[in-house]
């Protein structure tokens, strides 16, 4: 099982959610607003830098990891100036939930 974190500009949020639904990726946690500075314009939610990001966290099997990877690649191609970062790490399920992710 993998943990996928996707930090995405709020400007892309609706498009991202549409693509999740179209690819049947239905289990995630979202945290909003997420603020910070990466490699695009700062998203600090203040008067100077009013935009914010959203953070999505997925615990995913290999099939969903591939779906998420394709979604991120396509969004980066279509919206190269918007902030979008994705990270993958190994995850271990506690308390017997492993069968949910196989």
C-alpha atoms as a PDB file:
ATOM      1  CA  UNK A   1       0.000   0.000   0.000  1.00  0.00           C
ATOM      2  CA  UNK A   2       1.178   3.513  -0.803  1.00  0.00           C
ATOM      3  CA  UNK A   3       0.476   6.896   0.719  1.00  0.00           C
ATOM      4  CA  UNK A   4       0.014   9.509  -1.983  1.00  0.00           C
ATOM      5  CA  UNK A   5       0.044  13.201  -1.103  1.00  0.00           C
ATOM      6  CA  UNK A   6      -1.082  15.658  -3.746  1.00  0.00           C
ATOM      7  CA  UNK A   7      -0.789  19.394  -3.141  1.00  0.00           C
ATOM      8  CA  UNK A   8      -2.833  21.222  -5.720  1.00  0.00           C
ATOM      9  CA  UNK A   9      -3.763  24.809  -6.452  1.00  0.00           C
ATOM     10  CA  UNK A  10      -7.402  25.494  -5.592  1.00  0.00           C
ATOM     11  CA  UNK A  11      -7.767  26.680  -9.189  1.00  0.00           C
ATOM     12  CA  UNK A  12      -7.420  23.024 -10.283  1.00  0.00           C
ATOM     13  CA  UNK A  13      -9.546  21.491  -7.543  1.00  0.00           C
ATOM     14  CA  UNK A  14     -12.809  21.005  -9.451  1.00  0.00           C
ATOM     15  CA  UNK A  15     -11.000  19.557 -12.469  1.00  0.00           C
ATOM     16  CA  UNK A  16      -9.054  17.196 -10.193  1.00  0.00           C
ATOM     17  CA  UNK A  17     -12.204  16.008  -8.409  1.00  0.00           C
ATOM     18  CA  UNK A  18     -13.919  15.369 -11.751  1.00  0.00           C
ATOM     19  CA  UNK A  19     -11.000  13.208 -12.846  1.00  0.00           C
ATOM     20  CA  UNK A  20     -10.981  11.275  -9.574  1.00  0.00           C
ATOM     21  CA  UNK A  21     -14.660  10.487 -10.044  1.00  0.00           C
ATOM     22  CA  UNK A  22     -14.171   9.515 -13.699  1.00  0.00           C
ATOM     23  CA  UNK A  23     -11.395   7.106 -12.645  1.00  0.00           C
ATOM     24  CA  UNK A  24     -13.346   5.655  -9.707  1.00  0.00           C
ATOM     25  CA  UNK A  25     -10.844   6.897  -7.107  1.00  0.00           C
ATOM     26  CA  UNK A  26     -13.222   7.532  -4.225  1.00  0.00           C
ATOM     27  CA  UNK A  27     -11.277   7.274  -0.973  1.00  0.00           C
ATOM     28  CA  UNK A  28      -9.189  10.203   0.197  1.00  0.00           C
ATOM     29  CA  UNK A  29      -8.763  12.854   2.841  1.00  0.00           C
ATOM     30  CA  UNK A  30      -8.589  16.514   1.865  1.00  0.00           C
ATOM     31  CA  UNK A  31      -7.214  19.379   3.905  1.00  0.00           C
ATOM     32  CA  UNK A  32      -8.066  22.928   2.960  1.00  0.00           C
ATOM     33  CA  UNK A  33      -6.734  25.492   3.006  1.00  0.00           C
ATOM     34  CA  UNK A  34      -3.137  24.402   2.660  1.00  0.00           C
ATOM     35  CA  UNK A  35      -0.699  27.279   2.397  1.00  0.00           C
ATOM     36  CA  UNK A  36       2.913  27.467   1.356  1.00  0.00           C
ATOM     37  CA  UNK A  37       5.463  28.251  -1.291  1.00  0.00           C
ATOM     38  CA  UNK A  38       6.752  25.699  -3.741  1.00  0.00           C
ATOM     39  CA  UNK A  39       7.912  26.226  -7.300  1.00  0.00           C
ATOM     40  CA  UNK A  40       4.953  28.338  -8.419  1.00  0.00           C
ATOM     41  CA  UNK A  41       3.549  31.539  -6.949  1.00  0.00           C
ATOM     42  CA  UNK A  42       3.140  31.470  -3.162  1.00  0.00           C
ATOM     43  CA  UNK A  43      -0.280  30.374  -1.926  1.00  0.00           C
ATOM     44  CA  UNK A  44      -0.515  32.013   1.479  1.00  0.00           C
ATOM     45  CA  UNK A  45      -4.154  33.076   1.767  1.00  0.00           C
ATOM     46  CA  UNK A  46      -3.259  36.656   2.674  1.00  0.00           C
ATOM     47  CA  UNK A  47      -3.675  40.081   1.075  1.00  0.00           C
ATOM     48  CA  UNK A  48      -0.418  39.803  -0.864  1.00  0.00           C
ATOM     49  CA  UNK A  49      -0.729  36.142  -1.939  1.00  0.00           C
ATOM     50  CA  UNK A  50      -4.465  35.406  -1.638  1.00  0.00           C
ATOM     51  CA  UNK A  51      -4.637  31.995  -3.292  1.00  0.00           C
ATOM     52  CA  UNK A  52      -4.479  28.744  -1.329  1.00  0.00           C
ATOM     53  CA  UNK A  53      -3.757  25.098  -2.070  1.00  0.00           C
ATOM     54  CA  UNK A  54      -5.562  21.941  -1.101  1.00  0.00           C
ATOM     55  CA  UNK A  55      -3.851  18.813   0.184  1.00  0.00           C
ATOM     56  CA  UNK A  56      -5.169  15.376  -0.729  1.00  0.00           C
ATOM     57  CA  UNK A  57      -4.000  12.220   1.031  1.00  0.00           C
ATOM     58  CA  UNK A  58      -4.682   8.809  -0.480  1.00  0.00           C
ATOM     59  CA  UNK A  59      -3.894   5.325   0.793  1.00  0.00           C
ATOM     60  CA  UNK A  60      -3.914   3.379  -2.423  1.00  0.00           C
ATOM     61  CA  UNK A  61      -3.246   0.029  -4.030  1.00  0.00           C
ATOM     62  CA  UNK A  62      -1.087  -0.240  -7.156  1.00  0.00           C
ATOM     63  CA  UNK A  63      -4.047   0.211  -9.513  1.00  0.00           C
ATOM     64  CA  UNK A  64      -5.134   3.480  -7.881  1.00  0.00           C
ATOM     65  CA  UNK A  65      -1.534   4.712  -7.736  1.00  0.00           C
ATOM     66  CA  UNK A  66      -1.353   4.325 -11.527  1.00  0.00           C
ATOM     67  CA  UNK A  67      -4.658   6.168 -11.956  1.00  0.00           C
ATOM     68  CA  UNK A  68      -3.474   9.035  -9.741  1.00  0.00           C
ATOM     69  CA  UNK A  69      -0.146   9.206 -11.558  1.00  0.00           C
ATOM     70  CA  UNK A  70      -1.895   9.536 -14.923  1.00  0.00           C
ATOM     71  CA  UNK A  71      -4.228  12.221 -13.571  1.00  0.00           C
ATOM     72  CA  UNK A  72      -1.309  14.260 -12.203  1.00  0.00           C
ATOM     73  CA  UNK A  73       0.715  13.934 -15.421  1.00  0.00           C
ATOM     74  CA  UNK A  74      -2.244  15.043 -17.542  1.00  0.00           C
ATOM     75  CA  UNK A  75      -3.046  18.025 -15.289  1.00  0.00           C
ATOM     76  CA  UNK A  76       0.599  19.147 -15.377  1.00  0.00           C
ATOM     77  CA  UNK A  77       0.528  19.012 -19.177  1.00  0.00           C
ATOM     78  CA  UNK A  78      -2.737  20.935 -19.423  1.00  0.00           C
ATOM     79  CA  UNK A  79      -2.036  23.514 -16.677  1.00  0.00           C
ATOM     80  CA  UNK A  80       1.756  23.981 -16.527  1.00  0.00           C
ATOM     81  CA  UNK A  81       1.653  27.267 -14.598  1.00  0.00           C
ATOM     82  CA  UNK A  82      -0.550  25.998 -11.743  1.00  0.00           C
ATOM     83  CA  UNK A  83       0.948  24.543  -8.590  1.00  0.00           C
ATOM     84  CA  UNK A  84       0.736  20.750  -8.414  1.00  0.00           C
ATOM     85  CA  UNK A  85       3.013  18.388  -6.510  1.00  0.00           C
ATOM     86  CA  UNK A  86       2.608  14.677  -5.808  1.00  0.00           C
ATOM     87  CA  UNK A  87       4.560  12.347  -3.534  1.00  0.00           C
ATOM     88  CA  UNK A  88       4.474   8.611  -2.904  1.00  0.00           C
ATOM     89  CA  UNK A  89       5.659   6.776   0.195  1.00  0.00           C
ATOM     90  CA  UNK A  90       5.212   3.280   1.545  1.00  0.00           C
ATOM     91  CA  UNK A  91       2.394   2.849   4.049  1.00  0.00           C
ATOM     92  CA  UNK A  92       1.487   0.091   6.439  1.00  0.00           C
ATOM     93  CA  UNK A  93      -2.078  -0.439   7.538  1.00  0.00           C
ATOM     94  CA  UNK A  94      -2.705  -0.828  11.258  1.00  0.00           C
ATOM     95  CA  UNK A  95      -5.497  -2.786  12.962  1.00  0.00           C
ATOM     96  CA  UNK A  96      -6.397  -5.171  10.157  1.00  0.00           C
ATOM     97  CA  UNK A  97      -7.464  -2.845   7.360  1.00  0.00           C
ATOM     98  CA  UNK A  98      -5.072  -4.309   4.787  1.00  0.00           C
ATOM     99  CA  UNK A  99      -7.860  -6.198   2.983  1.00  0.00           C
ATOM    100  CA  UNK A 100      -9.480  -2.884   2.060  1.00  0.00           C
ATOM    101  CA  UNK A 101      -6.490  -1.904  -0.101  1.00  0.00           C
ATOM    102  CA  UNK A 102      -5.840  -5.135  -1.998  1.00  0.00           C
END
